Amino acid sequence: MERKGTKQCRIWERMISAVVMTAAFLVVAQAAWALDTQDIVVEWTAAGKKLAAQRVANVKSKDELVLVPAGEFIMGSDKKTDRLAYRGEMPQRRVYLDAFEIGKYEVTALEYLKFILATDRKPQLDWRYDGGNFQETMAHHPIMHVSWYDADAYCKWAGRRLPTEAEWEKAARGTDGRLFPWGPELAGPTRANFGRTGLSGPVRDRPERLLLYPPIISVDRYDKAVSPYGLYQVIGNVSEWVSDWYDKDYYASAPDRNPKGPEAGTQKAFRGGGWMDSTTTMRVAMRNGTDPHTKINWMGFRCARDAQEPAGTKVSMVVK
């Protein structure tokens, strides 16, 4: 009888312990879900700001632009050639764009640091080292935790602008309607940084994971997977803000010459899948939108500007 009583006590102790642990987990989970990363502020120290200025002066940036010549390209998706296409990508059509220039790489932490210092802003959420700095290995990682308004402000400060959806897509896929920057083959680990979960899994459904530094990589990786115009990582690593307001039905009524998106809206468009996305998202025609105030660790951007080259300048494309 004593043995049976002892066994029952142990069972009850385990049950009570499990209840306590569950309750504690729920408290932590509720706190995490209530967490608003935009309430977190990182401050500079005097030494930190000095180090930041030294980095800006001494580390070479990756801010090259490439020229995309004027002309037509195939925009959007056709279900006959892309079974993953969805309503927002259709109908597929030919679109004419004036010549423009666009960033060869996504805007990096180093480039954004120049903007931060020049406009007297506080460090980014991830910059928690050496008095407000990013780690040295993060200098050429794409900037993240930036809202659409942050991205727009940076591009204007740099004498540039955000690309339109159409400009982004033409720069990403060229003129022949290819499904991926490099051609018809599906994305894989040798071509794009995607399908990764980090230490704690994806962030879309778990806001507390916004505080983790994700498995992103330098913007100049995957040199065998560039777009026809030489752009790196237009899919994978981080998704990219573009200038347009987002409307899933916009293509049905959009002009076929220099479309710039709807005149107004509640969401801003972004393109290119991020590090945590799946194969279905790793397509150049894929498009989506979100609140322009969103700051998240799978969203960055690249800048563009109207063409600065004289008319008739020849551009070398990467032949695939």
Protein backbone atom coordinates (compact mmCIF):
# COMPACT_ATOMS: atom_id res chain seq x y z
CA MET A 1 0.00 0.00 0.00
CA GLU A 2 2.85 2.35 0.81
CA ARG A 3 4.42 1.72 -2.57
CA LYS A 4 1.14 2.40 -4.33
CA GLY A 5 0.66 5.61 -2.32
CA THR A 6 4.20 6.73 -3.08
CA LYS A 7 3.66 6.10 -6.79
CA GLN A 8 0.42 8.10 -6.74
CA CYS A 9 2.17 10.98 -4.96
CA ARG A 10 4.84 11.05 -7.59
CA ILE A 11 2.23 11.11 -10.33
CA TRP A 12 0.47 14.02 -8.60
CA GLU A 13 3.78 15.86 -8.17
CA ARG A 14 4.53 15.49 -11.88
CA MET A 15 1.05 16.69 -12.82
CA ILE A 16 1.36 19.74 -10.55
CA SER A 17 4.83 20.45 -11.92
CA ALA A 18 3.50 20.22 -15.50
CA VAL A 19 0.66 22.61 -14.68
CA VAL A 20 3.08 25.11 -13.13
CA MET A 21 5.43 24.89 -16.10
CA THR A 22 2.55 25.33 -18.56
CA ALA A 23 1.31 28.37 -16.66
CA ALA A 24 4.79 29.85 -16.65
CA PHE A 25 5.13 29.21 -20.40
CA LEU A 26 1.81 30.93 -21.09
CA VAL A 27 2.91 33.99 -19.12
CA VAL A 28 6.15 34.19 -21.11
CA ALA A 29 4.31 33.58 -24.38
CA GLN A 30 1.81 36.34 -23.65
CA ALA A 31 4.64 38.72 -22.86
CA ALA A 32 6.38 37.78 -26.11
CA TRP A 33 3.24 38.23 -28.17
CA ALA A 34 2.70 41.63 -26.58
CA LEU A 35 6.22 42.66 -27.47
CA ASP A 36 6.43 45.55 -29.90
CA THR A 37 9.90 45.79 -31.37
CA GLN A 38 9.26 49.37 -32.37
CA ASP A 39 9.25 50.26 -28.67
CA ILE A 40 12.83 49.03 -28.34
CA VAL A 41 15.38 51.83 -28.68
CA VAL A 42 19.13 51.36 -29.02
CA GLU A 43 21.21 54.39 -28.04
CA TRP A 44 24.66 55.43 -29.23
CA THR A 45 27.55 55.78 -26.83
CA ALA A 46 30.24 58.34 -27.62
CA ALA A 47 32.73 55.56 -28.35
CA GLY A 48 30.15 53.70 -30.42
CA LYS A 49 29.42 56.68 -32.62
CA LYS A 50 33.14 57.27 -33.13
CA LEU A 51 33.60 53.67 -34.23
CA ALA A 52 30.64 53.98 -36.60
CA ALA A 53 32.19 57.04 -38.23
CA GLN A 54 35.47 55.16 -38.67
CA ARG A 55 33.68 52.28 -40.36
CA VAL A 56 31.90 54.61 -42.76
CA ALA A 57 35.22 56.22 -43.67
CA ASN A 58 37.27 53.04 -44.03
CA VAL A 59 35.04 50.21 -45.28
CA LYS A 60 34.20 50.09 -48.98
CA SER A 61 30.48 50.15 -49.82
CA LYS A 62 28.61 47.94 -52.26
CA ASP A 63 26.34 50.59 -53.71
CA GLU A 64 26.84 50.09 -57.46
CA LEU A 65 23.97 50.71 -59.85
CA VAL A 66 23.33 48.85 -63.12
CA LEU A 67 21.60 50.29 -66.17
CA VAL A 68 18.42 48.66 -67.48
CA PRO A 69 17.75 49.97 -71.00
CA ALA A 70 14.37 51.17 -72.24
CA GLY A 71 12.08 48.65 -73.83
CA GLU A 72 9.41 46.04 -73.31
CA PHE A 73 9.50 43.00 -71.07
CA ILE A 74 7.08 40.25 -70.09
CA MET A 75 5.53 41.07 -66.70
CA GLY A 76 3.39 38.84 -64.52
CA SER A 77 2.54 35.15 -64.74
CA ASP A 78 0.72 32.76 -67.02
CA LYS A 79 -0.77 29.66 -65.40
CA LYS A 80 0.15 27.66 -68.49
CA THR A 81 3.85 28.17 -67.90
CA ASP A 82 3.88 28.66 -64.12
CA ARG A 83 1.57 26.40 -62.15
CA LEU A 84 2.40 28.33 -58.96
CA ALA A 85 1.05 31.59 -60.38
CA TYR A 86 -1.81 33.19 -58.47
CA ARG A 87 -4.40 35.88 -59.07
CA GLY A 88 -2.25 38.88 -58.09
CA GLU A 89 0.34 38.00 -60.76
CA MET A 90 -2.12 37.88 -63.64
CA PRO A 91 -2.77 38.64 -66.40
CA GLN A 92 0.67 38.37 -67.91
CA ARG A 93 1.36 41.16 -70.37
CA ARG A 94 4.03 43.15 -72.19
CA VAL A 95 5.07 46.35 -70.42
CA TYR A 96 7.29 49.15 -71.73
CA LEU A 97 9.66 50.92 -69.32
CA ASP A 98 11.90 53.91 -69.83
CA ALA A 99 15.58 53.31 -69.05
CA PHE A 100 16.49 53.29 -65.36
CA GLU A 101 19.29 52.32 -63.01
CA ILE A 102 18.88 50.01 -60.04
CA GLY A 103 21.04 48.73 -57.21
CA LYS A 104 23.21 45.77 -58.08
CA TYR A 105 22.88 44.72 -54.44
CA GLU A 106 20.39 45.15 -51.63
CA VAL A 107 21.19 48.15 -49.42
CA THR A 108 23.60 47.00 -46.74
CA ALA A 109 23.99 47.74 -43.04
CA LEU A 110 27.13 49.75 -43.83
CA GLU A 111 25.34 51.94 -46.38
CA TYR A 112 22.41 52.46 -44.06
CA LEU A 113 24.83 53.42 -41.29
CA LYS A 114 25.97 56.38 -43.42
CA PHE A 115 22.36 57.53 -43.58
CA ILE A 116 21.88 57.01 -39.84
CA LEU A 117 24.90 59.17 -39.00
CA ALA A 118 24.12 61.87 -41.59
CA THR A 119 20.53 62.27 -40.38
CA ASP A 120 21.31 61.84 -36.67
CA ARG A 121 19.13 58.79 -36.16
CA LYS A 122 19.43 56.15 -33.47
CA PRO A 123 21.04 52.77 -34.16
CA GLN A 124 18.99 49.94 -35.63
CA LEU A 125 17.33 47.31 -33.46
CA ASP A 126 20.04 44.76 -34.32
CA TRP A 127 22.98 47.07 -33.66
CA ARG A 128 23.75 46.18 -30.06
CA TYR A 129 27.52 45.87 -30.15
CA ASP A 130 30.23 48.36 -29.27
CA GLY A 131 27.92 51.18 -28.27
CA GLY A 132 25.32 50.93 -31.03
CA ASN A 133 27.18 49.18 -33.84
CA PHE A 134 26.65 46.01 -35.84
CA GLN A 135 29.22 43.26 -35.69
CA GLU A 136 31.99 43.59 -38.26
CA THR A 137 30.78 40.50 -40.15
CA MET A 138 27.35 42.13 -40.63
CA ALA A 139 28.64 45.15 -42.58
CA HIS A 140 27.58 43.78 -45.97
CA HIS A 141 24.43 42.04 -44.80
CA PRO A 142 21.23 43.59 -46.16
CA ILE A 143 19.67 46.16 -43.85
CA MET A 144 16.47 44.93 -42.19
CA HIS A 145 13.94 46.17 -39.63
CA VAL A 146 13.21 49.14 -41.89
CA SER A 147 9.73 50.37 -42.70
CA TRP A 148 8.70 51.48 -46.19
CA TYR A 149 9.06 55.06 -44.96
CA ASP A 150 12.62 54.35 -43.76
CA ALA A 151 13.51 52.81 -47.12
CA ASP A 152 11.96 55.72 -49.01
CA ALA A 153 13.82 58.25 -46.85
CA TYR A 154 17.15 56.49 -47.37
CA CYS A 155 16.78 56.36 -51.15
CA LYS A 156 15.86 60.04 -51.32
CA TRP A 157 18.82 60.93 -49.08
CA ALA A 158 21.09 58.96 -51.43
CA GLY A 159 19.75 60.82 -54.48
CA ARG A 160 17.76 57.82 -55.59
CA ARG A 161 14.28 56.35 -55.14
CA LEU A 162 12.60 53.03 -54.58
CA PRO A 163 12.02 51.08 -57.80
CA THR A 164 8.51 50.50 -59.07
CA GLU A 165 7.18 46.95 -59.12
CA ALA A 166 7.62 46.90 -62.88
CA GLU A 167 11.21 48.14 -62.70
CA TRP A 168 12.06 45.61 -60.02
CA GLU A 169 10.58 42.76 -62.04
CA LYS A 170 12.27 43.70 -65.31
CA ALA A 171 15.64 44.03 -63.54
CA ALA A 172 15.06 40.66 -61.89
CA ARG A 173 13.95 38.60 -64.90
CA GLY A 174 15.03 40.39 -68.07
CA THR A 175 12.77 40.57 -71.11
CA ASP A 176 11.98 36.91 -71.85
CA GLY A 177 9.48 36.10 -69.08
CA ARG A 178 11.75 33.66 -67.26
CA LEU A 179 10.50 32.30 -63.93
CA PHE A 180 13.76 32.88 -62.05
CA PRO A 181 16.63 35.35 -62.40
CA TRP A 182 18.93 32.67 -63.80
CA GLY A 183 16.45 30.86 -66.07
CA PRO A 184 13.79 28.13 -65.86
CA GLU A 185 15.29 25.97 -63.10
CA LEU A 186 13.77 26.00 -59.61
CA ALA A 187 15.60 27.79 -56.81
CA GLY A 188 17.89 25.70 -54.66
CA PRO A 189 20.47 26.21 -51.90
CA THR A 190 23.21 26.97 -54.44
CA ARG A 191 21.20 29.82 -55.97
CA ALA A 192 19.34 31.59 -53.15
CA ASN A 193 19.23 31.99 -49.38
CA PHE A 194 15.76 30.74 -48.50
CA GLY A 195 13.84 27.99 -46.72
CA ARG A 196 15.70 28.61 -43.47
CA THR A 197 14.24 28.87 -39.99
CA GLY A 198 17.08 30.14 -37.82
CA LEU A 199 17.45 28.94 -34.23
CA SER A 200 13.79 29.29 -33.32
CA GLY A 201 11.82 28.87 -36.51
CA PRO A 202 10.07 31.24 -38.86
CA VAL A 203 9.00 34.71 -37.76
CA ARG A 204 5.76 35.28 -39.65
CA ASP A 205 3.62 33.76 -36.89
CA ARG A 206 5.88 34.46 -33.91
CA PRO A 207 6.56 38.16 -33.30
CA GLU A 208 9.00 37.53 -30.46
CA ARG A 209 11.39 36.08 -33.03
CA LEU A 210 11.81 39.50 -34.55
CA LEU A 211 14.48 40.05 -31.91
CA LEU A 212 16.63 37.21 -33.21
CA TYR A 213 19.30 37.87 -35.80
CA PRO A 214 18.24 35.78 -38.80
CA PRO A 215 20.40 33.60 -41.07
CA ILE A 216 20.99 36.28 -43.72
CA ILE A 217 24.22 36.55 -45.71
CA SER A 218 26.30 39.16 -47.51
CA VAL A 219 24.61 40.77 -50.51
CA ASP A 220 27.32 39.74 -52.98
CA ARG A 221 26.91 35.98 -52.59
CA TYR A 222 25.52 33.60 -55.25
CA ASP A 223 27.38 35.08 -58.19
CA LYS A 224 26.19 32.17 -60.39
CA ALA A 225 22.56 33.17 -59.87
CA VAL A 226 22.47 36.83 -60.87
CA SER A 227 19.69 38.31 -63.00
CA PRO A 228 20.14 39.08 -66.72
CA TYR A 229 21.22 42.62 -65.77
CA GLY A 230 23.62 41.42 -63.08
CA LEU A 231 21.50 41.97 -59.94
CA TYR A 232 22.35 39.82 -56.94
CA GLN A 233 19.81 38.09 -54.71
CA VAL A 234 16.60 39.55 -56.08
CA ILE A 235 15.02 36.48 -54.54
CA GLY A 236 16.05 35.12 -51.17
CA ASN A 237 17.96 36.73 -48.28
CA VAL A 238 15.42 39.51 -47.61
CA SER A 239 12.28 40.61 -49.42
CA GLU A 240 12.44 44.14 -50.85
CA TRP A 241 10.17 47.16 -50.54
CA VAL A 242 9.18 48.83 -53.83
CA SER A 243 7.49 52.16 -54.37
CA ASP A 244 3.99 51.05 -55.40
CA TRP A 245 0.85 50.82 -53.33
CA TYR A 246 -0.27 47.19 -53.42
CA ASP A 247 -3.47 45.98 -55.05
CA LYS A 248 -3.79 42.32 -55.95
CA ASP A 249 -6.03 43.20 -58.91
CA TYR A 250 -3.89 46.05 -60.25
CA TYR A 251 -2.55 44.15 -63.27
CA ALA A 252 -6.03 43.89 -64.79
CA SER A 253 -6.21 47.65 -65.32
CA ALA A 254 -2.57 48.77 -65.14
CA PRO A 255 -1.12 50.80 -68.03
CA ASP A 256 1.29 48.99 -70.31
CA ARG A 257 3.79 51.87 -70.24
CA ASN A 258 5.72 52.81 -67.08
CA PRO A 259 3.13 51.57 -64.55
CA LYS A 260 3.64 53.02 -61.08
CA GLY A 261 0.94 51.24 -59.09
CA PRO A 262 -2.38 52.49 -57.69
CA GLU A 263 -2.64 56.13 -56.65
CA ALA A 264 -3.47 55.19 -53.05
CA GLY A 265 -3.84 52.20 -50.78
CA THR A 266 -3.29 50.76 -47.32
CA GLN A 267 -0.38 48.43 -48.11
CA LYS A 268 2.93 48.91 -49.89
CA ALA A 269 4.19 46.27 -52.28
CA PHE A 270 7.28 44.16 -51.71
CA ARG A 271 9.02 41.70 -53.99
CA GLY A 272 11.40 38.76 -53.79
CA GLY A 273 11.14 36.06 -51.14
CA GLY A 274 13.11 36.23 -47.93
CA TRP A 275 15.35 33.83 -46.03
CA MET A 276 12.42 32.01 -44.37
CA ASP A 277 10.24 31.60 -47.47
CA SER A 278 9.51 28.39 -49.36
CA THR A 279 10.19 27.36 -52.96
CA THR A 280 6.74 28.58 -54.05
CA THR A 281 7.74 32.13 -53.13
CA MET A 282 11.10 32.02 -54.89
CA ARG A 283 9.79 33.38 -58.22
CA VAL A 284 10.42 36.78 -59.80
CA ALA A 285 6.72 37.33 -60.58
CA MET A 286 5.63 36.73 -56.99
CA ARG A 287 4.21 39.89 -55.39
CA ASN A 288 2.72 40.84 -52.06
CA GLY A 289 1.98 43.82 -49.82
CA THR A 290 1.92 44.83 -46.18
CA ASP A 291 1.48 47.83 -43.89
CA PRO A 292 4.19 50.38 -44.83
CA HIS A 293 5.03 50.84 -41.12
CA THR A 294 6.11 47.20 -40.83
CA LYS A 295 9.65 46.62 -39.56
CA ILE A 296 10.69 43.00 -39.69
CA ASN A 297 13.83 40.91 -40.05
CA TRP A 298 13.03 39.49 -43.49
CA MET A 299 12.45 42.84 -45.26
CA GLY A 300 15.01 45.17 -46.82
CA PHE A 301 15.25 47.11 -50.09
CA ARG A 302 17.38 48.34 -52.97
CA CYS A 303 17.24 51.75 -54.65
CA ALA A 304 16.82 52.91 -58.24
CA ARG A 305 16.88 56.14 -60.21
CA ASP A 306 16.05 57.41 -63.68
CA ALA A 307 18.76 56.59 -66.22
CA GLN A 308 21.73 58.93 -66.03
CA GLU A 309 23.52 57.62 -69.12
CA PRO A 310 23.32 59.37 -72.51
CA ALA A 311 20.81 57.94 -74.97
CA GLY A 312 22.22 55.11 -77.02
CA THR A 313 24.62 53.84 -74.37
CA LYS A 314 25.13 50.12 -74.80
CA VAL A 315 24.56 47.84 -71.85
CA SER A 316 26.12 44.42 -71.52
CA MET A 317 23.65 41.82 -70.28
CA VAL A 318 24.61 38.56 -68.64
CA VAL A 319 23.67 35.91 -71.21
CA LYS A 320 21.98 32.88 -69.68
